[in-house]
């Protein structure tokens, strides 16, 4: 167990600051002392962190019952990635800029030191979080702190994380605090930034837009680093020493920090995009740098253009596919000489689908999901809709789930008939969106308008005996506008009810009571035997006989297999007993294997010749 008292740390830092070498009368001396103290504190914390990795789990956590573990699937882990990405991005952008543009470092030393050591603190915390981040093993989250620590320490990322928190700032003691290039080891934690981008792309509802924004960010980072390198090379070669390097700082226009960075960023953009229009290089190192820039620009921006093209294609893939369907339908209608009226209706129908974003093929989208997840999605979307139907309100959950999986979406255009009076009812309908009108035979007079959540046709698919309408439709139902419905077919309902006979009886009784209430049932026809009922009963009996036959064949096969195995075992035992020799006298009683009761079951049917027992037939020999 490590116990670091705040008093000891404070005293250690204080002594370090007081004993640090100083430069009397200068501001740098104060900053140097402070930085030395912070570095000492940082080194002490690093030693404590490294020592924690070597401490045995049983000793370290002996006083704790439960260990905190970070689940990588939670929002907390994502928010932490977002948090740690900020100091990583800060180091990625500002360390190189501060190292190259001296004025940027000199003017804001206090601010940079605060940001630097705060980012170091987050780096230390992130190292601890990584050591406590669980992982999935056979679908289960591993929460053993010792296993997590050992797994993390075996990864290459552990070495990079440790290198990224090494207190390289110790060089400030000898070189001064205005040398941020000694902190470049902080860039070894870039993996956290990329992980944050990957997780965000997975979570966002606009992945293509995020990919484009991410790509633009990468371009800016590359141009930024190249601009800083250009300024650094110009500083080494001498500002204004030739036409290629940055102009002399003695010119007021080019001495400002903002102009320095913008000029270099502009030069970097022109060079990496291979646009040119920059002063030609003069010295060998300048030629070499420009050639490397051109090659890098060609490779990077060729990749960028390809990725942008692919992203734009993906964004328009749905529209292109949908337009191809419309074009094929138009060609077909022209080939078949369809009337202009009908052609306009078809085009309007496709326009409606695209406008309402109903072009998605649910079966195609869900085909890659396992059946369990498909069922859960269907239940989540449709179960409450099905519960609204009065004949299904008291049904058990298992039947409702079966029916939910069988609901089929259907769309209707304005003026389309969903059903007409006298049609055979093979489906029931539930209105998801839209309005349906119950109209007279003339198709104009409206009796009632059905809206979202309404349903009809549930009685006709049950085929209730004695119904005056039979399984015929009793009304004309027409779509007022574009309508989105769910349909449940009679065959699907009956298939689901085969496993729920009690539910089938309850549904028929409920439907019969509804018909009786509306005086739509003929009692004289209830008890009349229907030929279809007899045929159904015969079919059920045949199906049951077939099932029983299959079971009997299976049992017979198992019995014959067990008999063969038993005979083989008895034969092996018989062969072993025949080869046995006995030096002493014995009494042998042979019992026949056949369990049938008979007075001849027990015989002395073994003999001994030359010390060898010989058995006659298939017997069991018991020595007494």
Foldseek 3Di string as FASTA:
>chain_A
DDDDDPVNLVVVLVVQLVPADADPPDPLRNVLSNLRSVLVSLVVVLVVLVVVLVDDPCVVCVVPDADDAAECVDVVVLVLLVVLLVLLVCCLQVLLVLQQPVVVCVVPVVVVVVSVVVNLVSLSVVLVNQLRYWDDDPRDTDRDSNVSSVVLVPDPLNVLSSQLSNSLVVCCSPVNNSRSVSNNSVNSPCVSNVVSLVVCLVPDPCNLVSVLVVLVVVVLSVLSNQLSVLSNVCVVVDACPDQQHHHHCVPVVCVDPVNSSVVSSVVSVCLLCVVDPGDDDDDPVSVVSSVVSPVNSVVSVVVVVVVNVVSVCVVCVVVVVLVVVLVVVVVVCVVVVPDPVVNVQVVVVSVVCVVVVVPDDVCVVCVPPDPVVVLVVLCVVCLVLVCLPVLCVPPDPVLSSLQSVQKDKDKDAAFDWPAAFFAQQFKKKAFQAAKKFFADPVSPHTDDIDGHSDIDLPLLLLQAWQFQSGSTDHTIIGGHHMTMMIMGGSVSSVVSCVVPVVSSVSSSVVSVVVCVVVVRGHPVGNPDDDPVVVVVVVVVVVVVVVVVVVVVVVVVVVVVVVVVVVVVVLVVVLVVQQAAFDPDDWDKKKAAPDPDDDPPRTDPAWDDDPRGIHHDPRIDIDID
